[in-house]
Amino acid sequence: MKRAHKYDVIVVGAGGAGLMAARYAALNPNVSVAVISKLYPTRSHTGAAQGGVGAALGNVSEDHAEWHAFDTIKGGDYLTDQDVAEMFARDVIEAVYELEHMGLPFSRTPDGKIAQRKFGGHTREFGKSAVERACYAADRTGHMILQTLYQQAIKQNVTFFNEFHVLDIIMEEGECRGVVAYELATGELHTFQTKAVILATGGNGRMFKVTSNAHALTGDLTSVVYRRGIPIEDPEFYQFHPTGLYKLGVLLTEGARGEGGILRNASGERFMERYAPTIKDLAPRDMVSRAMYMEVREGRGCGPDKDYIHLDLTHIDAHIIEERLPDITEFSRIYLGVDPIKELVPIQPTAHYTMGGIPTTIDTNVIIDGDNTIVPGLYAAGEVACASLHGANRLGTNSLGDLIVFGRRAGMFASKYAETASFGDLPRDNQDFSRNLIDKAMNGSGKEKVAKIRKDLQDTMQDNASVFRTNETLCNQVKILGQLKDRYKQIGVEDKGQQYNTELMEALELGFLIDNAEQLVHAALNRKESRGAHSREDFKERDDSGWLKHTLVYKDGDKVRIDYKPVTLGKYEPKPRVY
């Protein structure tokens, strides 16, 4: 295979956002499109999303896009850019119907419409009561989206480079002109020249010990652009999903609570009645996770060590559980030996989703500063990006909505740009940065082991920078990260082979993870308030006068620099979040 490639549009990542972007870009007959993925596309993490896509279809009960936009803004603790939320709530309706027409097998109502169920933070009439808004395909919604979009991309003759690991973006004269990728099968570096790059590489949850994220979610491109001088927006806001299987982190969908599941402490109390009296167990995820931690901390946790909470589905009709929640039922039986139809399921919060990411405009252009200065030829969509739809806390179901709405926009805007742009010249040394990364790992001293550093990173991030944070824990983590960076310089890869060198990949991914942890910890230390998923025990209140602004974290040599940009407000004034 040749090692130099040329396409009008390159998409990095083959999850929901990447495939949607590729499909839309390829609808333009004048544009050639290729997707680069370090996994086979249908193994992408979108496939693990269970609960549904939020869209105000009104198939079960009355609903409106305005209500969805409000819930998104309130759920994001008013750090959400309101113009983005309003566009999204309108566009996601059309996007869901489009998926249906592509062949996605949604569950159905008795009269044949797309089925919808309740979900955390979804309300009618601006918070009065819960509403059925989540469009679902049993508890396999993400899996169905991934399969459907992959078929659509194939139909549009998109070219795929599977098991290629992107290590760098090529910047020249302030423009993005391509990427460099490592081919796993051969160990060779490939240069991809392009007019437009769309980054859609997902999250970075593997920096935590207990996570729902797949092993591949190591924040690769978040780190790559960070090293290239592009800031990361709002990385301090990391969502912990309340219902992960105890000790494993395997996700049990919020749809289980949407179907009537109840969270109970050791005494059997439905404790969410004390924290969110109106919508109880269907409160937003940040609030539920904190409530669960408080129950455990105050001695009301379950089990011999009193360190988990129970999810109770035993009062729900067995047929409904088997039909609407088949996967999570099987997960519980296989991994814990617990039958949810008859027994309470042990759960704990699990690191799930980053609200922050590579900053973009509403049209998915990557930006480099608080003035929204764009990087020509560079776009981002999905979890890796931050258009600030999710603010300080993502509303359940808005991740899949984000994929299809912003993936579509990225594909359209990138292909439109590529149609009139020309190929810029590439620097002669475009592979040097990537080659240097590989050489350092392959030829290091070997005094330190990648697996041990990764474990220490995950353990300490879980202890010091997860659901609750203080100045002391965050300062401690800053010191630890400095030590881990020094230790990382002493790694060495024992496998010197060229083909499928997974040891080398893990070494490179660890470097990316450390960058991601650095962004989060410094941003969290700097934000002296509690808002959404960022909960400071030494600054317990939200402070709109001082902190109603987005964080921008820059890599400045060996140091970290922090700047800010304003939140786009609208008709919804910031108010206390009460549910």
Protein backbone atom coordinates (compact mmCIF):
# COMPACT_ATOMS: atom_id res chain seq x y z
CA MET A 1 0.00 0.00 0.00
CA LYS A 2 1.23 3.50 -0.80
CA ARG A 3 1.95 5.70 2.19
CA ALA A 4 0.79 9.04 0.76
CA HIS A 5 -2.92 9.67 0.22
CA LYS A 6 -5.03 12.53 -1.06
CA TYR A 7 -8.74 13.12 -0.38
CA ASP A 8 -10.90 16.23 -0.32
CA VAL A 9 -12.30 15.41 3.13
CA ILE A 10 -10.71 13.22 5.80
CA VAL A 11 -12.80 12.07 8.77
CA VAL A 12 -10.86 10.82 11.80
CA GLY A 13 -13.01 8.41 13.80
CA ALA A 14 -15.74 6.01 12.70
CA GLY A 15 -18.31 6.27 15.46
CA GLY A 16 -21.70 7.89 15.05
CA ALA A 17 -20.40 11.43 14.48
CA GLY A 18 -17.65 10.33 12.07
CA LEU A 19 -19.94 8.11 10.00
CA MET A 20 -22.68 10.76 9.86
CA ALA A 21 -20.09 13.33 8.78
CA ALA A 22 -18.64 10.98 6.15
CA ARG A 23 -22.06 10.16 4.78
CA TYR A 24 -23.03 13.81 4.44
CA ALA A 25 -19.73 14.89 2.98
CA ALA A 26 -19.95 12.06 0.43
CA LEU A 27 -23.40 13.18 -0.73
CA ASN A 28 -21.50 15.93 -2.56
CA PRO A 29 -20.51 14.28 -5.87
CA ASN A 30 -17.58 16.68 -6.30
CA VAL A 31 -15.84 15.63 -3.08
CA SER A 32 -13.81 12.50 -2.27
CA VAL A 33 -14.14 11.27 1.33
CA ALA A 34 -12.06 8.89 3.46
CA VAL A 35 -12.49 7.75 7.08
CA ILE A 36 -9.51 6.84 9.27
CA SER A 37 -10.25 4.74 12.34
CA LYS A 38 -8.07 2.93 14.86
CA LEU A 39 -10.88 0.37 15.19
CA TYR A 40 -13.10 -1.45 12.76
CA PRO A 41 -16.04 1.02 12.48
CA THR A 42 -18.73 -1.14 14.05
CA ARG A 43 -16.52 -1.58 17.14
CA SER A 44 -16.70 2.16 17.83
CA HIS A 45 -18.02 3.19 21.23
CA THR A 46 -21.26 4.66 19.88
CA GLY A 47 -22.37 1.03 19.84
CA ALA A 48 -22.36 0.98 23.65
CA ALA A 49 -24.92 3.80 23.98
CA GLN A 50 -28.13 2.22 25.20
CA GLY A 51 -30.92 4.52 26.26
CA GLY A 52 -32.04 6.53 23.25
CA VAL A 53 -32.00 9.78 21.29
CA GLY A 54 -33.87 12.70 22.81
CA ALA A 55 -36.17 14.43 20.33
CA ALA A 56 -39.46 16.23 20.87
CA LEU A 57 -41.52 14.08 18.50
CA GLY A 58 -44.53 14.01 20.82
CA ASN A 59 -45.42 10.42 19.90
CA VAL A 60 -46.39 9.37 23.45
CA SER A 61 -47.30 12.69 25.05
CA GLU A 62 -47.21 16.36 24.06
CA ASP A 63 -43.69 17.71 23.61
CA HIS A 64 -41.98 20.69 21.97
CA ALA A 65 -38.47 21.62 20.85
CA GLU A 66 -38.58 24.64 23.19
CA TRP A 67 -39.05 22.35 26.18
CA HIS A 68 -36.12 20.18 25.04
CA ALA A 69 -33.90 23.26 24.59
CA PHE A 70 -34.81 24.51 28.06
CA ASP A 71 -34.08 21.12 29.64
CA THR A 72 -30.70 21.05 27.86
CA ILE A 73 -29.80 24.54 29.12
CA LYS A 74 -31.00 23.92 32.67
CA GLY A 75 -29.39 20.45 32.68
CA GLY A 76 -26.12 22.11 31.60
CA ASP A 77 -26.40 24.38 34.66
CA TYR A 78 -26.66 27.42 32.36
CA LEU A 79 -23.16 27.01 30.92
CA THR A 80 -24.76 25.75 27.69
CA ASP A 81 -24.63 28.19 24.76
CA GLN A 82 -28.32 28.85 24.25
CA ASP A 83 -28.20 29.42 20.48
CA VAL A 84 -26.61 25.97 20.12
CA ALA A 85 -29.25 24.31 22.32
CA GLU A 86 -32.12 25.87 20.40
CA MET A 87 -30.69 24.86 17.01
CA PHE A 88 -30.03 21.36 18.30
CA ALA A 89 -33.51 20.80 19.75
CA ARG A 90 -35.05 21.71 16.37
CA ASP A 91 -32.59 19.81 14.17
CA VAL A 92 -32.57 16.58 16.17
CA ILE A 93 -36.24 15.98 15.32
CA GLU A 94 -35.45 15.96 11.60
CA ALA A 95 -32.31 13.87 12.20
CA VAL A 96 -34.27 11.14 14.04
CA TYR A 97 -36.81 10.87 11.23
CA GLU A 98 -33.92 10.72 8.80
CA LEU A 99 -32.41 7.77 10.70
CA GLU A 100 -35.79 6.06 10.58
CA HIS A 101 -35.89 6.50 6.79
CA MET A 102 -32.35 5.08 6.57
CA GLY A 103 -33.74 1.91 8.11
CA LEU A 104 -32.92 2.19 11.79
CA PRO A 105 -35.21 -0.30 13.61
CA PHE A 106 -36.67 1.86 16.38
CA SER A 107 -38.97 0.27 18.95
CA ARG A 108 -42.58 1.14 18.16
CA THR A 109 -45.74 2.36 19.86
CA PRO A 110 -48.90 0.23 19.36
CA ASP A 111 -49.89 2.51 16.45
CA GLY A 112 -46.50 2.09 14.73
CA LYS A 113 -44.80 5.37 15.63
CA ILE A 114 -41.26 5.62 17.03
CA ALA A 115 -41.49 4.62 20.70
CA GLN A 116 -40.42 7.15 23.35
CA ARG A 117 -39.76 6.85 27.09
CA LYS A 118 -38.94 9.08 30.04
CA PHE A 119 -35.34 9.97 30.79
CA GLY A 120 -33.37 11.96 33.32
CA GLY A 121 -33.99 15.71 33.16
CA HIS A 122 -36.60 15.47 30.38
CA THR A 123 -39.63 17.56 31.35
CA ARG A 124 -42.82 19.10 29.99
CA GLU A 125 -43.73 22.78 30.30
CA PHE A 126 -40.29 23.88 31.45
CA GLY A 127 -39.90 21.57 34.41
CA LYS A 128 -43.43 20.72 35.60
CA SER A 129 -43.18 16.92 35.26
CA ALA A 130 -41.36 14.16 33.36
CA VAL A 131 -42.03 13.64 29.64
CA GLU A 132 -41.47 10.76 27.19
CA ARG A 133 -38.78 12.14 24.84
CA ALA A 134 -36.15 9.40 24.42
CA CYS A 135 -36.54 7.60 21.05
CA TYR A 136 -35.16 4.10 21.53
CA ALA A 137 -34.39 0.77 19.94
CA ALA A 138 -34.74 -1.45 23.03
CA ASP A 139 -31.51 -0.72 24.95
CA ARG A 140 -29.35 -0.98 21.83
CA THR A 141 -29.97 2.45 20.32
CA GLY A 142 -26.31 3.35 19.80
CA HIS A 143 -25.57 -0.04 18.29
CA MET A 144 -28.39 0.40 15.78
CA ILE A 145 -27.23 3.92 14.88
CA LEU A 146 -23.69 2.68 14.29
CA GLN A 147 -24.78 -0.19 12.06
CA THR A 148 -27.19 1.99 10.09
CA LEU A 149 -24.69 4.79 9.48
CA TYR A 150 -21.89 2.41 8.52
CA GLN A 151 -24.13 0.90 5.86
CA GLN A 152 -25.00 4.40 4.64
CA ALA A 153 -21.32 5.37 4.39
CA ILE A 154 -20.57 2.22 2.40
CA LYS A 155 -23.52 3.05 0.13
CA GLN A 156 -21.96 6.49 -0.55
CA ASN A 157 -18.63 4.88 -1.54
CA VAL A 158 -16.70 6.33 1.40
CA THR A 159 -13.15 4.91 1.58
CA PHE A 160 -12.15 3.40 4.95
CA PHE A 161 -8.69 3.07 6.46
CA ASN A 162 -9.37 0.79 9.41
CA GLU A 163 -6.83 0.15 12.17
CA PHE A 164 -4.90 3.32 11.43
CA HIS A 165 -3.97 5.36 14.49
CA VAL A 166 -3.81 9.14 13.85
CA LEU A 167 -0.84 10.64 15.73
CA ASP A 168 -0.72 14.18 14.37
CA ILE A 169 -2.54 16.84 12.38
CA ILE A 170 -0.56 18.71 9.72
CA MET A 171 -0.71 22.47 10.24
CA GLU A 172 0.83 24.92 7.79
CA GLU A 173 0.30 28.69 7.63
CA GLY A 174 -2.48 28.41 10.19
CA GLU A 175 -4.44 25.88 8.10
CA CYS A 176 -5.06 22.20 8.64
CA ARG A 177 -3.83 20.35 5.56
CA GLY A 178 -3.87 16.72 6.60
CA VAL A 179 -3.07 14.08 9.21
CA VAL A 180 -0.38 11.51 9.89
CA ALA A 181 -1.45 8.00 10.88
CA TYR A 182 0.30 4.84 12.06
CA GLU A 183 -0.83 1.67 10.28
CA LEU A 184 -1.16 -1.14 12.81
CA ALA A 185 -0.74 -3.95 10.28
CA THR A 186 2.66 -2.77 9.02
CA GLY A 187 4.01 -0.29 11.56
CA GLU A 188 4.36 2.32 8.79
CA LEU A 189 3.47 5.99 8.91
CA HIS A 190 1.04 7.34 6.30
CA THR A 191 0.49 10.95 5.29
CA PHE A 192 -3.05 11.98 4.34
CA GLN A 193 -3.24 15.27 2.43
CA THR A 194 -6.64 16.93 2.42
CA LYS A 195 -8.60 20.16 2.18
CA ALA A 196 -10.73 19.50 5.27
CA VAL A 197 -10.26 17.32 8.35
CA ILE A 198 -13.19 16.35 10.58
CA LEU A 199 -12.21 15.10 14.05
CA ALA A 200 -14.74 12.68 15.53
CA THR A 201 -12.68 10.50 17.85
CA GLY A 202 -14.85 10.35 20.97
CA GLY A 203 -14.01 10.70 24.64
CA ASN A 204 -11.22 10.10 27.13
CA GLY A 205 -12.78 8.15 30.01
CA ARG A 206 -9.89 5.71 30.35
CA MET A 207 -8.12 8.26 32.55
CA PHE A 208 -10.41 7.04 35.39
CA LYS A 209 -10.37 3.73 37.23
CA VAL A 210 -14.12 3.02 37.03
CA THR A 211 -15.48 3.95 33.61
CA SER A 212 -18.11 2.96 31.07
CA ASN A 213 -15.68 3.93 28.29
CA ALA A 214 -14.12 1.34 25.99
CA HIS A 215 -10.36 0.73 26.12
CA ALA A 216 -9.91 2.73 22.92
CA LEU A 217 -11.22 5.99 24.45
CA THR A 218 -7.93 7.60 25.34
CA GLY A 219 -8.48 11.17 24.10
CA ASP A 220 -5.94 10.83 21.27
CA LEU A 221 -6.96 13.78 19.11
CA THR A 222 -7.81 15.96 22.10
CA SER A 223 -4.15 15.58 23.03
CA VAL A 224 -2.86 15.98 19.46
CA VAL A 225 -4.57 19.36 18.91
CA TYR A 226 -3.61 20.45 22.44
CA ARG A 227 0.05 19.83 21.57
CA ARG A 228 -0.47 21.86 18.39
CA GLY A 229 -1.58 24.97 20.29
CA ILE A 230 -5.35 24.56 20.01
CA PRO A 231 -7.12 24.98 23.37
CA ILE A 232 -9.48 22.52 25.06
CA GLU A 233 -12.77 23.98 26.25
CA ASP A 234 -14.37 23.16 29.64
CA PRO A 235 -12.49 19.90 30.37
CA GLU A 236 -13.25 20.21 34.12
CA PHE A 237 -16.83 19.12 33.46
CA TYR A 238 -16.75 15.32 33.41
CA GLN A 239 -20.00 13.40 33.81
CA PHE A 240 -20.24 10.34 36.02
CA HIS A 241 -23.20 8.17 35.03
CA PRO A 242 -25.06 7.04 38.15
CA THR A 243 -25.71 3.44 37.14
CA GLY A 244 -22.54 1.52 36.35
CA LEU A 245 -22.27 -2.11 37.46
CA TYR A 246 -20.52 -2.23 40.82
CA LYS A 247 -16.68 -2.27 40.51
CA LEU A 248 -16.89 -2.87 36.73
CA GLY A 249 -18.27 0.41 35.43
CA VAL A 250 -20.25 -1.39 32.71
CA LEU A 251 -23.16 0.90 31.89
CA LEU A 252 -26.77 0.19 32.82
CA THR A 253 -28.87 2.60 30.79
CA GLU A 254 -30.79 5.48 32.30
CA GLY A 255 -33.65 3.93 30.33
CA ALA A 256 -33.97 1.47 33.22
CA ARG A 257 -35.06 4.38 35.43
CA GLY A 258 -37.09 5.72 32.50
CA GLU A 259 -39.05 2.47 32.59
CA GLY A 260 -39.65 2.89 36.33
CA GLY A 261 -36.44 1.70 38.01
CA ILE A 262 -35.83 3.02 41.54
CA LEU A 263 -32.57 3.77 43.36
CA ARG A 264 -32.51 2.46 46.94
CA ASN A 265 -30.05 2.67 49.82
CA ALA A 266 -29.25 -0.02 52.40
CA SER A 267 -32.54 0.49 54.26
CA GLY A 268 -34.53 0.22 51.02
CA GLU A 269 -35.35 3.95 51.02
CA ARG A 270 -36.05 5.67 47.69
CA PHE A 271 -33.55 8.35 48.63
CA MET A 272 -33.88 10.51 45.48
CA GLU A 273 -37.18 11.78 46.91
CA ARG A 274 -35.03 13.85 49.29
CA TYR A 275 -32.74 15.29 46.57
CA ALA A 276 -35.16 15.86 43.64
CA PRO A 277 -38.75 15.64 44.96
CA THR A 278 -40.45 16.36 41.60
CA ILE A 279 -38.73 13.92 39.20
CA LYS A 280 -36.89 11.77 41.80
CA ASP A 281 -34.78 9.06 40.11
CA LEU A 282 -35.02 10.89 36.79
CA ALA A 283 -33.01 13.88 37.97
CA PRO A 284 -29.99 14.85 35.81
CA ARG A 285 -26.95 12.60 36.09
CA ASP A 286 -24.66 14.92 38.00
CA MET A 287 -27.25 15.33 40.76
CA VAL A 288 -28.00 11.61 40.99
CA SER A 289 -24.30 10.65 41.11
CA ARG A 290 -23.65 13.17 43.91
CA ALA A 291 -26.71 11.91 45.81
CA MET A 292 -25.44 8.32 45.56
CA TYR A 293 -22.01 9.34 46.84
CA MET A 294 -23.62 11.22 49.74
CA GLU A 295 -25.68 8.15 50.69
CA VAL A 296 -22.53 6.02 50.73
CA ARG A 297 -20.51 8.67 52.58
CA GLU A 298 -23.17 9.03 55.30
CA GLY A 299 -23.25 5.29 55.94
CA ARG A 300 -26.36 4.31 53.98
CA GLY A 301 -24.53 2.36 51.24
CA CYS A 302 -25.27 -1.30 50.52
CA GLY A 303 -23.20 -4.45 50.85
CA PRO A 304 -20.61 -5.58 53.41
CA ASP A 305 -18.45 -2.51 52.74
CA LYS A 306 -21.44 -0.16 52.41
CA ASP A 307 -19.94 1.19 49.16
CA TYR A 308 -22.69 0.85 46.55
CA ILE A 309 -26.37 1.56 45.85
CA HIS A 310 -29.14 -0.73 44.61
CA LEU A 311 -31.13 -0.34 41.38
CA ASP A 312 -34.56 -1.89 41.87
CA LEU A 313 -36.40 -3.19 38.80
CA THR A 314 -38.24 -6.02 40.59
CA HIS A 315 -41.60 -4.19 40.60
CA ILE A 316 -41.59 -3.82 36.79
CA ASP A 317 -43.34 -6.41 34.64
CA ALA A 318 -40.79 -9.07 33.59
CA HIS A 319 -41.96 -8.91 29.96
CA ILE A 320 -41.24 -5.16 29.80
CA ILE A 321 -37.72 -5.65 31.19
CA GLU A 322 -36.90 -8.48 28.77
CA GLU A 323 -38.36 -6.62 25.78
CA ARG A 324 -37.13 -3.06 26.43
CA LEU A 325 -33.94 -3.69 28.45
CA PRO A 326 -32.57 -7.00 27.13
CA ASP A 327 -28.89 -6.07 27.09
CA ILE A 328 -28.59 -4.64 30.57
CA THR A 329 -30.51 -7.61 31.94
CA GLU A 330 -27.98 -9.91 30.32
CA PHE A 331 -25.01 -7.79 31.51
CA SER A 332 -26.21 -8.00 35.09
CA ARG A 333 -26.71 -11.76 34.89
CA ILE A 334 -23.36 -12.43 33.22
CA TYR A 335 -21.05 -10.02 35.07
CA LEU A 336 -22.61 -9.97 38.54
CA GLY A 337 -24.72 -13.14 38.65
CA VAL A 338 -27.72 -10.97 39.54
CA ASP A 339 -31.13 -11.35 37.84
CA PRO A 340 -32.72 -7.85 37.68
CA ILE A 341 -36.20 -9.35 37.36
CA LYS A 342 -35.91 -10.91 40.83
CA GLU A 343 -32.98 -9.15 42.57
CA LEU A 344 -31.63 -5.69 43.31
CA VAL A 345 -28.66 -4.74 41.11
CA PRO A 346 -25.50 -3.32 42.80
CA ILE A 347 -24.44 -0.08 41.07
CA GLN A 348 -22.05 2.84 41.48
CA PRO A 349 -21.28 6.00 39.46
CA THR A 350 -19.00 5.39 36.49
CA ALA A 351 -16.92 7.89 34.48
CA HIS A 352 -18.98 8.33 31.37
CA TYR A 353 -18.75 11.50 29.25
CA THR A 354 -16.73 14.67 28.85
CA MET A 355 -18.80 17.80 28.29
CA GLY A 356 -15.67 19.65 27.23
CA GLY A 357 -13.48 19.08 24.20
CA ILE A 358 -12.04 20.79 21.13
CA PRO A 359 -13.85 24.15 20.88
CA THR A 360 -16.01 24.68 17.79
CA THR A 361 -18.49 27.11 16.35
CA ILE A 362 -22.13 26.12 15.90
CA ASP A 363 -21.09 25.07 12.36
CA THR A 364 -18.37 22.71 13.77
CA ASN A 365 -15.35 24.85 12.73
CA VAL A 366 -12.52 24.37 15.25
CA ILE A 367 -11.58 27.64 16.98
CA ILE A 368 -8.33 28.72 18.63
CA ASP A 369 -9.32 31.53 20.99
CA GLY A 370 -12.06 33.32 22.89
CA ASP A 371 -12.84 35.44 19.81
CA ASN A 372 -13.96 32.33 17.90
CA THR A 373 -11.11 32.58 15.38
CA ILE A 374 -11.45 29.48 13.20
CA VAL A 375 -8.75 27.11 11.95
CA PRO A 376 -9.39 26.86 8.18
CA GLY A 377 -9.94 23.28 7.11
CA LEU A 378 -10.45 21.83 10.61
CA TYR A 379 -13.79 20.64 12.00
CA ALA A 380 -14.88 18.54 14.98
CA ALA A 381 -18.07 16.76 16.03
CA GLY A 382 -19.31 14.36 18.70
CA GLU A 383 -17.81 13.87 22.15
CA VAL A 384 -14.35 15.07 21.09
CA ALA A 385 -15.84 18.48 20.25
CA CYS A 386 -17.33 21.24 22.38
CA ALA A 387 -19.84 23.49 20.68
CA SER A 388 -21.06 23.91 24.25
CA LEU A 389 -24.32 22.08 23.77
CA HIS A 390 -23.86 20.23 27.05
CA GLY A 391 -22.55 23.05 29.24
CA ALA A 392 -21.59 21.80 32.69
CA ASN A 393 -23.63 18.58 32.53
CA ARG A 394 -24.99 16.63 29.56
CA LEU A 395 -28.65 15.74 29.50
CA GLY A 396 -29.22 12.01 28.99
CA THR A 397 -29.86 11.08 25.30
CA ASN A 398 -28.21 14.28 24.04
CA SER A 399 -24.99 12.41 23.22
CA LEU A 400 -26.59 10.41 20.41
CA GLY A 401 -28.44 13.52 19.34
CA ASP A 402 -25.13 15.40 19.30
CA LEU A 403 -23.58 12.74 17.05
CA ILE A 404 -26.24 12.90 14.37
CA VAL A 405 -26.88 16.66 14.43
CA PHE A 406 -23.27 17.86 14.57
CA GLY A 407 -21.92 14.95 12.51
CA ARG A 408 -24.33 16.01 9.77
CA ARG A 409 -23.33 19.67 10.07
CA ALA A 410 -19.62 18.81 9.99
CA GLY A 411 -20.04 16.73 6.83
CA MET A 412 -22.03 19.45 5.08
CA PHE A 413 -19.79 22.39 6.03
CA ALA A 414 -16.52 20.51 5.44
CA SER A 415 -17.60 19.29 1.99
CA LYS A 416 -18.81 22.78 1.04
CA TYR A 417 -15.42 24.19 2.07
CA ALA A 418 -13.49 21.43 0.28
CA GLU A 419 -15.42 21.95 -2.95
CA THR A 420 -13.88 25.39 -3.49
CA ALA A 421 -10.61 25.12 -1.53
CA SER A 422 -7.35 23.91 -3.05
CA PHE A 423 -4.81 21.44 -1.68
CA GLY A 424 -2.15 23.33 0.24
CA ASP A 425 1.48 22.25 0.16
CA LEU A 426 2.62 19.97 2.94
CA PRO A 427 5.81 20.57 4.93
CA ARG A 428 8.61 18.15 4.10
CA ASP A 429 8.94 17.14 7.72
CA ASN A 430 5.25 16.34 8.21
CA GLN A 431 5.97 12.91 9.73
CA ASP A 432 8.78 14.00 12.07
CA PHE A 433 6.56 14.69 15.09
CA SER A 434 4.87 11.28 14.83
CA ARG A 435 8.13 9.45 14.18
CA ASN A 436 9.64 11.11 17.24
CA LEU A 437 6.73 9.91 19.41
CA ILE A 438 7.24 6.35 18.22
CA ASP A 439 11.04 6.45 18.55
CA LYS A 440 10.89 7.73 22.13
CA ALA A 441 8.56 4.91 23.13
CA MET A 442 10.43 2.20 21.22
CA ASN A 443 13.92 3.23 22.33
CA GLY A 444 13.26 4.36 25.88
CA SER A 445 15.12 3.06 28.91
CA GLY A 446 12.33 0.72 29.95
CA LYS A 447 12.71 1.56 33.64
CA GLU A 448 8.99 2.30 33.88
CA LYS A 449 6.10 0.10 32.77
CA VAL A 450 3.20 1.57 30.80
CA ALA A 451 0.62 -0.57 32.63
CA LYS A 452 1.83 0.59 36.06
CA ILE A 453 1.81 4.29 35.12
CA ARG A 454 -1.66 3.91 33.58
CA LYS A 455 -2.97 2.23 36.75
CA ASP A 456 -1.50 4.97 38.94
CA LEU A 457 -3.07 7.61 36.68
CA GLN A 458 -6.50 5.97 36.81
CA ASP A 459 -6.43 5.33 40.56
CA THR A 460 -5.36 8.86 41.47
CA MET A 461 -7.76 10.56 39.03
CA GLN A 462 -10.58 8.51 40.58
CA ASP A 463 -9.50 9.54 44.09
CA ASN A 464 -8.67 13.20 43.49
CA ALA A 465 -10.62 14.52 40.50
CA SER A 466 -13.88 12.60 40.06
CA VAL A 467 -17.33 13.39 41.50
CA PHE A 468 -16.14 15.54 44.46
CA ARG A 469 -13.07 17.80 44.38
CA THR A 470 -11.21 20.14 46.73
CA ASN A 471 -8.22 22.43 46.43
CA GLU A 472 -6.19 19.88 48.37
CA THR A 473 -7.08 16.87 46.18
CA LEU A 474 -6.59 18.80 42.94
CA CYS A 475 -3.24 20.28 44.02
CA ASN A 476 -2.18 16.78 45.01
CA GLN A 477 -3.19 15.51 41.57
CA VAL A 478 -1.20 18.28 39.84
CA LYS A 479 1.91 17.02 41.67
CA ILE A 480 1.11 13.40 40.83
CA LEU A 481 0.66 14.25 37.13
CA GLY A 482 4.07 15.94 37.15
CA GLN A 483 5.57 12.75 38.57
CA LEU A 484 3.72 10.58 36.04
CA LYS A 485 5.01 12.74 33.17
CA ASP A 486 8.57 12.27 34.43
CA ARG A 487 8.03 8.53 34.75
CA TYR A 488 6.52 8.41 31.25
CA LYS A 489 9.84 9.65 29.86
CA GLN A 490 11.41 6.45 31.22
CA ILE A 491 9.13 3.94 29.49
CA GLY A 492 10.33 1.49 26.88
CA VAL A 493 8.49 -0.87 24.56
CA GLU A 494 9.81 -4.42 24.76
CA ASP A 495 8.05 -5.59 21.58
CA LYS A 496 10.23 -4.37 18.70
CA GLY A 497 8.00 -5.88 16.01
CA GLN A 498 6.35 -3.83 13.27
CA GLN A 499 3.08 -5.70 12.87
CA TYR A 500 0.20 -5.09 15.28
CA ASN A 501 2.43 -3.77 18.03
CA THR A 502 -0.29 -3.23 20.61
CA GLU A 503 2.29 -2.53 23.30
CA LEU A 504 3.45 0.51 21.32
CA MET A 505 -0.13 1.66 20.84
CA GLU A 506 -0.81 1.48 24.56
CA ALA A 507 2.36 3.47 25.23
CA LEU A 508 1.26 6.23 22.84
CA GLU A 509 -2.28 6.22 24.27
CA LEU A 510 -0.91 6.65 27.78
CA GLY A 511 0.86 9.86 26.70
CA PHE A 512 -2.43 11.14 25.29
CA LEU A 513 -4.31 10.22 28.49
CA ILE A 514 -1.84 12.13 30.67
CA ASP A 515 -2.44 15.24 28.53
CA ASN A 516 -6.20 14.84 28.96
CA ALA A 517 -5.87 14.44 32.72
CA GLU A 518 -3.68 17.55 32.85
CA GLN A 519 -6.33 19.62 31.08
CA LEU A 520 -9.09 18.45 33.41
CA VAL A 521 -7.19 18.88 36.68
CA HIS A 522 -5.83 22.36 35.95
CA ALA A 523 -9.23 23.60 34.76
CA ALA A 524 -10.95 22.08 37.83
CA LEU A 525 -8.41 23.62 40.21
CA ASN A 526 -8.90 27.00 38.59
CA ARG A 527 -12.74 27.00 38.67
CA LYS A 528 -13.63 28.05 42.22
CA GLU A 529 -17.33 27.18 42.21
CA SER A 530 -19.60 24.16 41.90
CA ARG A 531 -21.54 23.88 38.65
CA GLY A 532 -23.02 20.81 36.98
CA ALA A 533 -20.60 17.90 37.03
CA HIS A 534 -17.85 20.03 38.61
CA SER A 535 -18.44 19.80 42.35
CA ARG A 536 -15.98 21.62 44.66
CA GLU A 537 -16.53 20.84 48.34
CA ASP A 538 -14.61 23.99 49.23
CA PHE A 539 -16.73 26.14 46.89
CA LYS A 540 -20.15 24.53 47.14
CA GLU A 541 -22.25 27.22 45.42
CA ARG A 542 -22.58 28.18 41.77
CA ASP A 543 -21.11 31.63 41.20
CA ASP A 544 -22.59 33.26 38.09
CA SER A 545 -20.97 36.62 38.76
CA GLY A 546 -17.46 35.15 38.68
CA TRP A 547 -17.70 31.93 36.69
CA LEU A 548 -20.45 32.09 34.07
CA LYS A 549 -17.81 31.63 31.39
CA HIS A 550 -16.12 28.85 29.41
CA THR A 551 -12.63 27.67 30.28
CA LEU A 552 -9.99 27.44 27.52
CA VAL A 553 -6.92 25.36 28.47
CA TYR A 554 -3.74 25.84 26.41
CA LYS A 555 -0.49 23.92 26.46
CA ASP A 556 2.25 26.55 26.81
CA GLY A 557 5.55 24.65 26.56
CA ASP A 558 5.71 22.52 29.70
CA LYS A 559 3.13 24.70 31.44
CA VAL A 560 -0.62 25.11 31.27
CA ARG A 561 -2.25 28.45 30.43
CA ILE A 562 -5.93 29.19 31.06
CA ASP A 563 -8.12 31.71 29.30
CA TYR A 564 -11.87 32.20 29.02
CA LYS A 565 -14.66 32.93 26.56
CA PRO A 566 -18.19 34.14 27.25
CA VAL A 567 -21.28 31.94 27.42
CA THR A 568 -23.89 32.73 24.79
CA LEU A 569 -27.03 33.54 26.76
CA GLY A 570 -30.59 33.91 25.48
CA LYS A 571 -34.12 33.99 26.80
CA TYR A 572 -33.49 31.58 29.68
CA GLU A 573 -31.97 33.47 32.63
CA PRO A 574 -29.74 31.42 34.95
CA LYS A 575 -31.73 30.16 37.92
CA PRO A 576 -31.11 27.63 40.72
CA ARG A 577 -31.44 24.03 39.43
CA VAL A 578 -34.36 22.53 41.30
CA TYR A 579 -36.12 19.34 40.15
